[in-house]
């Protein structure tokens, strides 16, 4: 069993030493010392992309992710966490969700086998894929 974390992306293989699934706290995008949600999983990878770690303004309106169609940071999504079988895939999808927005991201993720997601908008309302509740503690 192993958990590898690098820059917020994780790869989980097997169960914890006590035989239980890994429990992961998903950072609250506006209360960085707290968790928005806690999930449990094993043999998965996850990645989170958000507007809060590399922001240039106090209102989070300008950050490191740029929507190439608009030329500025996306305005709808504050955080996107994606669970998938591969870390690079999860990371690419989480970043894409920041640009695509809630509706288009959820439609895409529902069409992809083995992908679960939690999206949080700027008002701190959450949206999930239909099977995300399976991993919530």
N, C-alpha and C. Protein backbone atom coordinates (compact mmCIF):
# COMPACT_ATOMS: atom_id res chain seq x y z
N UNK A 1 0.84 -1.18 0.00
CA UNK A 1 0.00 0.00 0.00
C UNK A 1 0.88 1.24 0.00
N UNK A 2 0.42 2.25 -0.75
CA UNK A 2 1.21 3.47 -0.86
C UNK A 2 0.31 4.65 -1.23
N UNK A 3 0.68 5.81 -0.69
CA UNK A 3 0.06 7.08 -1.08
C UNK A 3 1.19 8.00 -1.50
N UNK A 4 1.11 8.50 -2.73
CA UNK A 4 2.11 9.45 -3.23
C UNK A 4 1.39 10.76 -3.50
N UNK A 5 1.89 11.85 -2.90
CA UNK A 5 1.31 13.18 -3.09
C UNK A 5 2.38 14.09 -3.64
N UNK A 6 2.05 14.80 -4.69
CA UNK A 6 2.99 15.76 -5.28
C UNK A 6 2.20 16.97 -5.76
N UNK A 7 2.41 18.09 -5.13
CA UNK A 7 1.76 19.32 -5.55
C UNK A 7 0.24 19.27 -5.48
N UNK A 8 -0.29 18.48 -4.56
CA UNK A 8 -1.74 18.39 -4.42
C UNK A 8 -2.37 17.25 -5.20
N UNK A 9 -1.64 16.66 -6.11
CA UNK A 9 -2.15 15.50 -6.85
C UNK A 9 -1.74 14.25 -6.09
N UNK A 10 -2.60 13.23 -6.11
CA UNK A 10 -2.33 12.02 -5.33
C UNK A 10 -2.56 10.77 -6.15
N UNK A 11 -1.74 9.79 -5.85
CA UNK A 11 -1.92 8.44 -6.38
C UNK A 11 -2.00 7.51 -5.18
N UNK A 12 -3.09 6.76 -5.09
CA UNK A 12 -3.33 5.87 -3.97
C UNK A 12 -3.38 4.44 -4.48
N UNK A 13 -2.62 3.58 -3.85
CA UNK A 13 -2.61 2.17 -4.24
C UNK A 13 -2.79 1.31 -3.00
N UNK A 14 -3.78 0.45 -3.04
CA UNK A 14 -4.06 -0.43 -1.92
C UNK A 14 -4.76 0.31 -0.79
N UNK A 15 -4.93 -0.38 0.30
CA UNK A 15 -5.57 0.17 1.49
C UNK A 15 -4.50 0.65 2.47
N UNK A 16 -4.95 1.39 3.48
CA UNK A 16 -4.03 1.78 4.55
C UNK A 16 -3.55 0.53 5.27
N UNK A 17 -2.56 0.70 6.10
CA UNK A 17 -1.98 -0.44 6.81
C UNK A 17 -3.01 -1.16 7.68
N UNK A 18 -4.01 -0.41 8.16
CA UNK A 18 -5.04 -1.04 9.00
C UNK A 18 -6.16 -1.68 8.18
N UNK A 19 -6.03 -1.67 6.84
CA UNK A 19 -7.01 -2.30 5.97
C UNK A 19 -8.15 -1.40 5.54
N UNK A 20 -8.16 -0.17 6.03
CA UNK A 20 -9.22 0.78 5.68
C UNK A 20 -8.82 1.58 4.44
N UNK A 21 -9.81 2.14 3.73
CA UNK A 21 -9.48 3.01 2.59
C UNK A 21 -8.78 4.28 3.07
N UNK A 22 -8.05 4.92 2.17
CA UNK A 22 -7.40 6.20 2.47
C UNK A 22 -8.48 7.27 2.63
N UNK A 23 -8.33 8.12 3.64
CA UNK A 23 -9.22 9.27 3.82
C UNK A 23 -8.46 10.52 3.41
N UNK A 24 -9.09 11.31 2.55
CA UNK A 24 -8.46 12.50 2.00
C UNK A 24 -9.35 13.71 2.28
N UNK A 25 -8.79 14.74 2.90
CA UNK A 25 -9.51 15.98 3.11
C UNK A 25 -9.34 16.89 1.90
N UNK A 26 -10.45 17.34 1.33
CA UNK A 26 -10.40 18.24 0.18
C UNK A 26 -10.47 19.68 0.69
N UNK A 27 -9.46 20.45 0.39
CA UNK A 27 -9.31 21.81 0.91
C UNK A 27 -10.51 22.68 0.57
N UNK A 28 -10.95 23.45 1.56
CA UNK A 28 -12.00 24.45 1.32
C UNK A 28 -11.36 25.62 0.59
N UNK A 29 -11.90 26.04 -0.55
CA UNK A 29 -11.24 27.08 -1.34
C UNK A 29 -11.19 28.47 -0.68
N UNK A 30 -11.96 28.69 0.37
CA UNK A 30 -11.93 29.99 1.02
C UNK A 30 -11.53 29.91 2.49
N UNK A 31 -11.33 28.72 3.00
CA UNK A 31 -10.87 28.51 4.37
C UNK A 31 -9.79 27.44 4.30
N UNK A 32 -8.60 27.85 3.87
CA UNK A 32 -7.55 26.90 3.51
C UNK A 32 -7.10 26.00 4.65
N UNK A 33 -7.40 26.38 5.88
CA UNK A 33 -7.03 25.53 7.01
C UNK A 33 -8.06 24.44 7.24
N UNK A 34 -9.19 24.51 6.53
CA UNK A 34 -10.24 23.52 6.74
C UNK A 34 -10.54 22.71 5.50
N UNK A 35 -11.42 21.74 5.68
CA UNK A 35 -11.81 20.88 4.57
C UNK A 35 -13.22 21.20 4.12
N UNK A 36 -13.44 21.13 2.83
CA UNK A 36 -14.78 21.28 2.28
C UNK A 36 -15.50 19.95 2.34
N UNK A 37 -14.76 18.88 2.11
CA UNK A 37 -15.31 17.53 2.08
C UNK A 37 -14.20 16.55 2.43
N UNK A 38 -14.57 15.41 2.99
CA UNK A 38 -13.63 14.33 3.23
C UNK A 38 -14.11 13.12 2.44
N UNK A 39 -13.19 12.52 1.69
CA UNK A 39 -13.53 11.36 0.88
C UNK A 39 -12.66 10.18 1.30
N UNK A 40 -13.06 8.99 0.90
CA UNK A 40 -12.21 7.82 1.12
C UNK A 40 -12.18 7.01 -0.17
N UNK A 41 -11.00 6.50 -0.47
CA UNK A 41 -10.82 5.75 -1.71
C UNK A 41 -9.54 4.92 -1.62
N UNK A 42 -9.39 4.03 -2.55
CA UNK A 42 -8.16 3.26 -2.70
C UNK A 42 -8.00 2.92 -4.17
N UNK A 43 -6.79 2.72 -4.60
CA UNK A 43 -6.50 2.39 -6.00
C UNK A 43 -7.05 3.41 -6.99
N UNK A 44 -6.98 4.67 -6.62
CA UNK A 44 -7.42 5.77 -7.46
C UNK A 44 -6.36 6.86 -7.45
N UNK A 45 -6.55 7.80 -8.34
CA UNK A 45 -5.73 9.01 -8.37
C UNK A 45 -6.66 10.20 -8.28
N UNK A 46 -6.19 11.28 -7.71
CA UNK A 46 -7.02 12.47 -7.68
C UNK A 46 -6.17 13.71 -7.83
N UNK A 47 -6.83 14.73 -8.36
CA UNK A 47 -6.17 16.02 -8.56
C UNK A 47 -7.19 17.12 -8.31
N UNK A 48 -6.71 18.21 -7.74
CA UNK A 48 -7.55 19.38 -7.52
C UNK A 48 -6.91 20.57 -8.18
N UNK A 49 -7.74 21.34 -8.85
CA UNK A 49 -7.31 22.60 -9.44
C UNK A 49 -8.22 23.68 -8.87
N UNK A 50 -7.65 24.85 -8.57
CA UNK A 50 -8.48 25.89 -7.97
C UNK A 50 -7.91 27.27 -8.16
N UNK A 51 -8.70 28.24 -7.72
CA UNK A 51 -8.32 29.64 -7.86
C UNK A 51 -7.62 30.20 -6.64
N UNK A 52 -7.38 29.40 -5.61
CA UNK A 52 -7.00 29.91 -4.30
C UNK A 52 -5.52 29.82 -3.96
N UNK A 53 -4.76 28.91 -4.50
CA UNK A 53 -3.35 28.78 -4.11
C UNK A 53 -2.45 29.75 -4.86
N UNK A 54 -2.76 30.02 -6.10
CA UNK A 54 -1.95 30.93 -6.91
C UNK A 54 -2.82 32.07 -7.43
N UNK A 55 -3.35 32.85 -6.50
CA UNK A 55 -4.21 33.96 -6.87
C UNK A 55 -3.43 35.27 -6.80
N UNK A 56 -3.82 36.20 -7.63
CA UNK A 56 -3.13 37.49 -7.68
C UNK A 56 -3.96 38.62 -7.08
N UNK A 57 -5.21 38.33 -6.72
CA UNK A 57 -6.10 39.34 -6.15
C UNK A 57 -6.81 38.76 -4.94
N UNK A 58 -7.21 39.62 -4.01
CA UNK A 58 -7.86 39.14 -2.79
C UNK A 58 -9.25 38.57 -3.04
N UNK A 59 -9.87 38.90 -4.17
CA UNK A 59 -11.19 38.35 -4.48
C UNK A 59 -11.12 37.11 -5.37
N UNK A 60 -9.92 36.60 -5.61
CA UNK A 60 -9.68 35.38 -6.39
C UNK A 60 -10.10 35.50 -7.85
N UNK A 61 -10.28 36.71 -8.34
CA UNK A 61 -10.75 36.87 -9.73
C UNK A 61 -9.63 36.70 -10.75
N UNK A 62 -8.38 36.88 -10.33
CA UNK A 62 -7.24 36.66 -11.23
C UNK A 62 -6.32 35.64 -10.58
N UNK A 63 -6.12 34.54 -11.28
CA UNK A 63 -5.27 33.47 -10.76
C UNK A 63 -4.50 32.83 -11.90
N UNK A 64 -3.80 31.75 -11.61
CA UNK A 64 -2.86 31.16 -12.56
C UNK A 64 -3.50 30.42 -13.73
N UNK A 65 -4.80 30.21 -13.70
CA UNK A 65 -5.47 29.53 -14.80
C UNK A 65 -6.11 30.59 -15.70
N UNK A 66 -5.84 30.49 -16.99
CA UNK A 66 -6.36 31.45 -17.96
C UNK A 66 -7.24 30.71 -18.96
N UNK A 67 -8.42 31.23 -19.19
CA UNK A 67 -9.30 30.71 -20.24
C UNK A 67 -8.81 31.30 -21.55
N UNK A 68 -8.26 30.48 -22.45
CA UNK A 68 -7.70 31.02 -23.69
C UNK A 68 -8.74 31.67 -24.60
N UNK A 69 -10.00 31.32 -24.40
CA UNK A 69 -11.07 31.93 -25.21
C UNK A 69 -11.34 33.37 -24.78
N UNK A 70 -11.09 33.65 -23.49
CA UNK A 70 -11.42 34.96 -22.94
C UNK A 70 -10.20 35.83 -22.64
N UNK A 71 -9.05 35.18 -22.43
CA UNK A 71 -7.84 35.92 -22.12
C UNK A 71 -7.72 36.32 -20.67
N UNK A 72 -8.56 35.77 -19.80
CA UNK A 72 -8.46 36.04 -18.37
C UNK A 72 -8.89 34.80 -17.58
N UNK A 73 -8.75 34.88 -16.28
CA UNK A 73 -9.11 33.75 -15.43
C UNK A 73 -10.61 33.46 -15.50
N UNK A 74 -10.98 32.19 -15.48
CA UNK A 74 -12.40 31.84 -15.49
C UNK A 74 -13.10 32.37 -14.24
N UNK A 75 -14.39 32.65 -14.34
CA UNK A 75 -15.11 33.33 -13.27
C UNK A 75 -16.10 32.46 -12.50
N UNK A 76 -16.30 31.20 -12.92
CA UNK A 76 -17.36 30.40 -12.30
C UNK A 76 -16.88 29.43 -11.23
N UNK A 77 -15.83 28.68 -11.51
CA UNK A 77 -15.41 27.58 -10.63
C UNK A 77 -14.28 28.04 -9.70
N UNK A 78 -14.44 27.74 -8.41
CA UNK A 78 -13.40 28.04 -7.43
C UNK A 78 -12.47 26.85 -7.23
N UNK A 79 -13.02 25.63 -7.34
CA UNK A 79 -12.22 24.43 -7.12
C UNK A 79 -12.83 23.26 -7.88
N UNK A 80 -11.97 22.42 -8.44
CA UNK A 80 -12.40 21.22 -9.14
C UNK A 80 -11.51 20.06 -8.71
N UNK A 81 -12.12 19.04 -8.12
CA UNK A 81 -11.40 17.83 -7.75
C UNK A 81 -11.91 16.69 -8.62
N UNK A 82 -10.98 15.97 -9.22
CA UNK A 82 -11.33 14.86 -10.10
C UNK A 82 -10.63 13.59 -9.61
N UNK A 83 -11.38 12.51 -9.54
CA UNK A 83 -10.85 11.19 -9.22
C UNK A 83 -10.89 10.37 -10.50
N UNK A 84 -9.77 9.74 -10.83
CA UNK A 84 -9.66 8.93 -12.05
C UNK A 84 -8.60 7.86 -11.81
N UNK A 85 -8.38 7.02 -12.80
CA UNK A 85 -7.41 5.92 -12.67
C UNK A 85 -5.97 6.38 -12.84
N UNK A 86 -5.76 7.57 -13.40
CA UNK A 86 -4.41 8.06 -13.71
C UNK A 86 -4.29 9.50 -13.22
N UNK A 87 -3.17 9.82 -12.58
CA UNK A 87 -2.99 11.15 -12.00
C UNK A 87 -2.93 12.25 -13.05
N UNK A 88 -2.20 12.03 -14.13
CA UNK A 88 -2.10 13.06 -15.18
C UNK A 88 -3.47 13.33 -15.80
N UNK A 89 -4.25 12.28 -15.98
CA UNK A 89 -5.60 12.40 -16.53
C UNK A 89 -6.48 13.21 -15.58
N UNK A 90 -6.43 12.87 -14.28
CA UNK A 90 -7.21 13.60 -13.28
C UNK A 90 -6.80 15.07 -13.24
N UNK A 91 -5.51 15.34 -13.33
CA UNK A 91 -5.01 16.71 -13.31
C UNK A 91 -5.49 17.50 -14.53
N UNK A 92 -5.41 16.88 -15.70
CA UNK A 92 -5.87 17.55 -16.92
C UNK A 92 -7.36 17.85 -16.85
N UNK A 93 -8.14 16.91 -16.34
CA UNK A 93 -9.59 17.12 -16.24
C UNK A 93 -9.93 18.18 -15.20
N UNK A 94 -9.21 18.21 -14.09
CA UNK A 94 -9.47 19.22 -13.06
C UNK A 94 -9.18 20.62 -13.58
N UNK A 95 -8.08 20.77 -14.30
CA UNK A 95 -7.75 22.08 -14.89
C UNK A 95 -8.77 22.46 -15.96
N UNK A 96 -9.16 21.50 -16.78
CA UNK A 96 -10.17 21.76 -17.81
C UNK A 96 -11.48 22.21 -17.19
N UNK A 97 -11.85 21.63 -16.06
CA UNK A 97 -13.10 22.00 -15.40
C UNK A 97 -13.10 23.46 -14.98
N UNK A 98 -11.94 23.97 -14.58
CA UNK A 98 -11.85 25.38 -14.20
C UNK A 98 -12.24 26.28 -15.37
N UNK A 99 -11.88 25.87 -16.57
CA UNK A 99 -12.16 26.67 -17.77
C UNK A 99 -13.55 26.38 -18.33
N UNK A 100 -13.95 25.12 -18.34
CA UNK A 100 -15.23 24.73 -18.95
C UNK A 100 -16.44 25.21 -18.16
N UNK A 101 -16.31 25.31 -16.84
CA UNK A 101 -17.45 25.68 -16.02
C UNK A 101 -18.19 24.45 -15.52
N UNK A 102 -19.18 24.68 -14.68
CA UNK A 102 -19.89 23.60 -13.99
C UNK A 102 -20.65 22.70 -14.97
N UNK A 103 -21.55 23.27 -15.74
CA UNK A 103 -22.44 22.48 -16.60
C UNK A 103 -21.68 21.65 -17.62
N UNK A 104 -20.77 22.27 -18.35
CA UNK A 104 -20.02 21.54 -19.37
C UNK A 104 -19.09 20.50 -18.76
N UNK A 105 -18.50 20.81 -17.62
CA UNK A 105 -17.61 19.85 -16.96
C UNK A 105 -18.36 18.61 -16.51
N UNK A 106 -19.50 18.82 -15.85
CA UNK A 106 -20.26 17.67 -15.37
C UNK A 106 -20.75 16.81 -16.53
N UNK A 107 -21.17 17.44 -17.62
CA UNK A 107 -21.60 16.67 -18.80
C UNK A 107 -20.43 15.83 -19.33
N UNK A 108 -19.26 16.43 -19.41
CA UNK A 108 -18.08 15.70 -19.87
C UNK A 108 -17.75 14.56 -18.92
N UNK A 109 -17.68 14.83 -17.63
CA UNK A 109 -17.26 13.82 -16.66
C UNK A 109 -18.24 12.65 -16.60
N UNK A 110 -19.53 12.93 -16.73
CA UNK A 110 -20.53 11.85 -16.72
C UNK A 110 -20.34 10.92 -17.92
N UNK A 111 -19.77 11.43 -18.99
CA UNK A 111 -19.57 10.61 -20.20
C UNK A 111 -18.27 9.80 -20.16
N UNK A 112 -17.43 10.05 -19.18
CA UNK A 112 -16.13 9.38 -19.09
C UNK A 112 -16.16 8.28 -18.03
N UNK A 113 -15.92 7.04 -18.42
CA UNK A 113 -15.94 5.95 -17.44
C UNK A 113 -14.87 6.13 -16.36
N UNK A 114 -15.25 5.85 -15.12
CA UNK A 114 -14.29 5.86 -14.03
C UNK A 114 -13.89 7.23 -13.53
N UNK A 115 -14.62 8.28 -13.92
CA UNK A 115 -14.30 9.64 -13.48
C UNK A 115 -15.37 10.12 -12.51
N UNK A 116 -14.92 10.61 -11.36
CA UNK A 116 -15.81 11.22 -10.37
C UNK A 116 -15.28 12.62 -10.09
N UNK A 117 -16.18 13.53 -9.75
CA UNK A 117 -15.72 14.90 -9.55
C UNK A 117 -16.58 15.66 -8.56
N UNK A 118 -15.92 16.60 -7.89
CA UNK A 118 -16.56 17.60 -7.03
C UNK A 118 -16.13 18.96 -7.56
N UNK A 119 -17.11 19.78 -7.93
CA UNK A 119 -16.85 21.14 -8.39
C UNK A 119 -17.48 22.10 -7.39
N UNK A 120 -16.77 23.17 -7.05
CA UNK A 120 -17.26 24.17 -6.12
C UNK A 120 -17.24 25.51 -6.85
N UNK A 121 -18.39 26.18 -6.87
CA UNK A 121 -18.44 27.47 -7.56
C UNK A 121 -17.99 28.59 -6.64
N UNK A 122 -17.95 29.81 -7.17
CA UNK A 122 -17.43 30.96 -6.41
C UNK A 122 -18.30 31.30 -5.20
N UNK A 123 -19.57 30.84 -5.21
CA UNK A 123 -20.46 31.06 -4.06
C UNK A 123 -20.35 29.93 -3.04
N UNK A 124 -19.42 29.00 -3.26
CA UNK A 124 -19.14 27.85 -2.41
C UNK A 124 -20.24 26.79 -2.45
N UNK A 125 -21.00 26.76 -3.53
CA UNK A 125 -21.99 25.70 -3.75
C UNK A 125 -21.30 24.56 -4.48
N UNK A 126 -21.60 23.32 -4.06
CA UNK A 126 -20.95 22.17 -4.67
C UNK A 126 -21.84 21.48 -5.70
N UNK A 127 -21.16 20.89 -6.67
CA UNK A 127 -21.79 20.11 -7.74
C UNK A 127 -20.94 18.87 -7.91
N UNK A 128 -21.59 17.72 -8.09
CA UNK A 128 -20.83 16.48 -8.19
C UNK A 128 -21.34 15.61 -9.34
N UNK A 129 -20.48 14.71 -9.76
CA UNK A 129 -20.94 13.67 -10.67
C UNK A 129 -21.89 12.76 -9.91
N UNK A 130 -22.70 12.03 -10.64
CA UNK A 130 -23.76 11.23 -10.01
C UNK A 130 -23.24 10.17 -9.05
N UNK A 131 -22.00 9.74 -9.21
CA UNK A 131 -21.47 8.69 -8.34
C UNK A 131 -20.46 9.19 -7.30
N UNK A 132 -20.31 10.51 -7.17
CA UNK A 132 -19.33 11.04 -6.22
C UNK A 132 -19.69 10.69 -4.78
N UNK A 133 -20.98 10.57 -4.48
CA UNK A 133 -21.39 10.26 -3.11
C UNK A 133 -20.84 8.92 -2.63
N UNK A 134 -20.41 8.06 -3.53
CA UNK A 134 -19.84 6.77 -3.15
C UNK A 134 -18.51 6.91 -2.40
N UNK A 135 -17.83 8.03 -2.57
CA UNK A 135 -16.53 8.21 -1.92
C UNK A 135 -16.57 9.16 -0.73
N UNK A 136 -17.71 9.82 -0.50
CA UNK A 136 -17.82 10.78 0.60
C UNK A 136 -17.92 10.02 1.92
N UNK A 137 -17.15 10.47 2.90
CA UNK A 137 -17.16 9.83 4.22
C UNK A 137 -18.39 10.29 4.98
